[in-house]
Amino acid sequence: MKTRTQKEQEIEILRKEFQESPNAVLVGFKGLKVGDDERLRRELRQANLSYRVVKNTLAIRAAKGTPMEQVDSNFTGATAVALSKNDPVTLAKVLSKWGKDSAVFSFKAGLVEGRAIQGKDVEAISNLPTKEELISKVMFVVNSGAQRLAVVTGAVARNLAVVVDQIRAQKEAQG
């Protein structure tokens, strides 16, 4: 049993995590096997995401004054919180994969950039491209315009050289 001081420290740690992470997903995991839980934690760590099982009463207290307060009514039953400081899509992708593979894993609610979403929306977010994919697509579009410009300007010079060569050949043929 935790002492009052330990509980207050836990609340402060949770509050700090909730304030620093604008993206979160609350998941139910009742019946998740220990081996599966360890694999899930490993995958989330590799993706630079945090995951912790929370005591609901402490999480509700920690959520006060943070964006997580919007979804604190979902802290019921066996609850874990997955947090991301940067990319909500990566978070949703990793968790959705687990949701598909495990019948005991369920989405309760979440936050995307500080705004509350329902558990069913996590699956929709997981189908979006990640931030890195979007950046690469934008860079491709920007680069393709510059590339086309270079080809066109190169073609003008090439065509001019062909015309000058044809004129030279014609003058040589005339004498």
Protein backbone atom coordinates (compact mmCIF):
# COMPACT_ATOMS: atom_id res chain seq x y z
CA MET A 1 0.00 0.00 0.00
CA LYS A 2 1.34 3.39 -0.99
CA THR A 3 1.68 6.13 1.57
CA ARG A 4 0.02 9.51 1.10
CA THR A 5 3.38 11.05 0.17
CA GLN A 6 4.02 8.39 -2.45
CA LYS A 7 0.56 8.97 -3.93
CA GLU A 8 1.14 12.74 -4.07
CA GLN A 9 4.46 12.15 -5.82
CA GLU A 10 2.75 9.83 -8.30
CA ILE A 11 0.09 12.49 -8.97
CA GLU A 12 2.76 15.13 -9.63
CA ILE A 13 4.64 12.83 -12.01
CA LEU A 14 1.41 12.05 -13.88
CA ARG A 15 0.39 15.73 -13.98
CA LYS A 16 3.76 16.66 -15.48
CA GLU A 17 3.44 13.91 -18.13
CA PHE A 18 -0.13 14.97 -18.93
CA GLN A 19 0.93 18.63 -19.35
CA GLU A 20 3.94 17.79 -21.55
CA SER A 21 2.10 15.38 -23.86
CA PRO A 22 -0.62 16.88 -26.06
CA ASN A 23 -1.31 13.45 -27.60
CA ALA A 24 -2.65 10.58 -25.53
CA VAL A 25 -4.76 7.45 -25.77
CA LEU A 26 -6.54 5.82 -22.84
CA VAL A 27 -6.75 2.07 -23.29
CA GLY A 28 -8.49 -0.73 -21.49
CA PHE A 29 -6.40 -3.84 -21.19
CA LYS A 30 -8.26 -6.20 -18.86
CA GLY A 31 -6.96 -9.71 -19.46
CA LEU A 32 -3.79 -8.70 -21.33
CA LYS A 33 -1.07 -11.28 -20.73
CA VAL A 34 2.23 -10.19 -19.18
CA GLY A 35 4.26 -11.26 -22.23
CA ASP A 36 1.98 -9.28 -24.54
CA ASP A 37 2.20 -6.27 -22.24
CA GLU A 38 6.00 -6.41 -22.28
CA ARG A 39 6.05 -6.57 -26.11
CA LEU A 40 3.64 -3.62 -26.31
CA ARG A 41 5.81 -1.55 -23.95
CA ARG A 42 8.92 -2.43 -25.99
CA GLU A 43 7.26 -1.34 -29.26
CA LEU A 44 6.06 1.91 -27.73
CA ARG A 45 9.52 2.65 -26.29
CA GLN A 46 11.12 2.03 -29.69
CA ALA A 47 8.70 4.56 -31.20
CA ASN A 48 9.62 7.12 -28.49
CA LEU A 49 6.23 6.86 -26.81
CA SER A 50 5.45 6.39 -23.14
CA TYR A 51 2.96 3.98 -21.63
CA ARG A 52 1.90 3.42 -18.08
CA VAL A 53 -0.84 1.65 -16.20
CA VAL A 54 -2.53 4.16 -13.92
CA LYS A 55 -4.62 4.04 -10.81
CA ASN A 56 -7.82 5.78 -11.85
CA THR A 57 -8.30 7.96 -8.77
CA LEU A 58 -4.72 9.24 -8.98
CA ALA A 59 -5.02 9.84 -12.74
CA ILE A 60 -8.23 11.84 -12.27
CA ARG A 61 -6.51 14.04 -9.68
CA ALA A 62 -3.45 14.45 -11.92
CA ALA A 63 -5.64 15.38 -14.90
CA LYS A 64 -7.07 18.47 -13.17
CA GLY A 65 -5.80 21.59 -14.91
CA THR A 66 -4.32 19.67 -17.86
CA PRO A 67 -5.73 18.83 -21.30
CA MET A 68 -6.31 15.29 -19.98
CA GLU A 69 -9.14 16.69 -17.84
CA GLN A 70 -11.36 16.57 -20.95
CA VAL A 71 -11.31 12.76 -20.91
CA ASP A 72 -10.98 12.04 -17.18
CA SER A 73 -14.43 10.42 -17.08
CA ASN A 74 -12.87 7.51 -19.00
CA PHE A 75 -10.59 6.54 -16.12
CA THR A 76 -12.66 3.52 -15.17
CA GLY A 77 -11.72 -0.14 -14.94
CA ALA A 78 -8.25 -1.32 -15.92
CA THR A 79 -6.74 1.73 -17.62
CA ALA A 80 -3.40 2.53 -19.18
CA VAL A 81 -2.29 5.78 -20.77
CA ALA A 82 -0.07 5.97 -23.84
CA LEU A 83 1.47 9.40 -24.38
CA SER A 84 3.25 11.13 -27.24
CA LYS A 85 4.91 14.53 -27.14
CA ASN A 86 5.18 14.79 -30.93
CA ASP A 87 3.23 12.56 -33.29
CA PRO A 88 -0.34 11.39 -32.61
CA VAL A 89 -0.37 9.29 -35.80
CA THR A 90 2.53 7.06 -34.74
CA LEU A 91 0.89 6.59 -31.35
CA ALA A 92 -2.40 5.61 -32.99
CA LYS A 93 -0.67 3.27 -35.47
CA VAL A 94 1.18 1.29 -32.81
CA LEU A 95 -1.87 1.00 -30.57
CA SER A 96 -4.27 0.18 -33.43
CA LYS A 97 -2.04 -2.69 -34.45
CA TRP A 98 -2.36 -4.04 -30.92
CA GLY A 99 -6.10 -3.37 -30.89
CA LYS A 100 -6.52 -5.52 -34.00
CA ASP A 101 -4.37 -8.34 -32.64
CA SER A 102 -5.83 -8.45 -29.14
CA ALA A 103 -9.47 -8.91 -28.20
CA VAL A 104 -8.79 -7.66 -24.64
CA PHE A 105 -7.29 -4.35 -25.78
CA SER A 106 -9.79 -1.48 -26.20
CA PHE A 107 -9.65 2.26 -26.80
CA LYS A 108 -11.52 4.43 -24.33
CA ALA A 109 -10.67 7.99 -25.43
CA GLY A 110 -7.75 10.16 -26.36
CA LEU A 111 -6.24 13.54 -27.04
CA VAL A 112 -4.86 14.83 -30.32
CA GLU A 113 -2.97 18.10 -30.04
CA GLY A 114 -4.82 18.76 -26.78
CA ARG A 115 -8.31 18.08 -28.15
CA ALA A 116 -10.46 15.20 -26.93
CA ILE A 117 -11.36 12.36 -29.28
CA GLN A 118 -13.43 9.23 -28.84
CA GLY A 119 -11.89 5.78 -28.72
CA LYS A 120 -13.27 4.85 -32.15
CA ASP A 121 -11.40 7.81 -33.71
CA VAL A 122 -8.02 6.30 -32.83
CA GLU A 123 -8.40 3.80 -35.68
CA ALA A 124 -9.16 6.60 -38.15
CA ILE A 125 -6.09 8.54 -37.03
CA SER A 126 -3.92 5.45 -37.47
CA ASN A 127 -4.77 5.47 -41.20
CA LEU A 128 -3.29 8.96 -41.67
CA PRO A 129 0.28 9.39 -42.90
CA THR A 130 2.90 10.12 -40.23
CA LYS A 131 4.56 13.51 -39.89
CA GLU A 132 7.70 12.20 -41.63
CA GLU A 133 5.64 10.86 -44.54
CA LEU A 134 3.88 14.22 -44.95
CA ILE A 135 7.19 16.10 -44.87
CA SER A 136 8.65 13.82 -47.54
CA LYS A 137 5.57 14.34 -49.74
CA VAL A 138 5.82 18.12 -49.39
CA MET A 139 9.54 18.00 -50.16
CA PHE A 140 8.80 15.90 -53.26
CA VAL A 141 6.26 18.45 -54.50
CA VAL A 142 8.63 21.37 -53.83
CA ASN A 143 11.53 19.53 -55.45
CA SER A 144 9.53 18.46 -58.49
CA GLY A 145 8.75 22.11 -59.36
CA ALA A 146 12.43 23.03 -59.20
CA GLN A 147 13.33 19.92 -61.16
CA ARG A 148 10.84 20.78 -63.92
CA LEU A 149 12.19 24.32 -64.09
CA ALA A 150 15.73 23.00 -64.49
CA VAL A 151 14.61 20.63 -67.29
CA VAL A 152 12.80 23.42 -69.14
CA THR A 153 15.67 25.88 -68.91
CA GLY A 154 18.07 23.12 -69.97
CA ALA A 155 15.84 22.30 -72.92
CA VAL A 156 15.94 25.91 -74.17
CA ALA A 157 19.75 25.90 -74.18
CA ARG A 158 19.83 22.45 -75.80
CA ASN A 159 17.35 23.51 -78.51
CA LEU A 160 19.36 26.69 -79.18
CA ALA A 161 22.51 24.61 -79.61
CA VAL A 162 20.71 22.29 -82.05
CA VAL A 163 19.43 25.26 -84.13
CA VAL A 164 22.89 26.88 -84.23
CA ASP A 165 24.42 23.54 -85.28
CA GLN A 166 21.82 23.15 -88.04
CA ILE A 167 22.52 26.69 -89.29
CA ARG A 168 26.27 25.94 -89.31
CA ALA A 169 25.67 22.68 -91.21
CA GLN A 170 23.44 24.48 -93.72
CA LYS A 171 26.03 27.25 -94.31
CA GLU A 172 28.80 24.65 -94.81
CA ALA A 173 26.61 22.87 -97.35
CA GLN A 174 26.02 26.12 -99.26
CA GLY A 175 29.62 26.81 -99.56
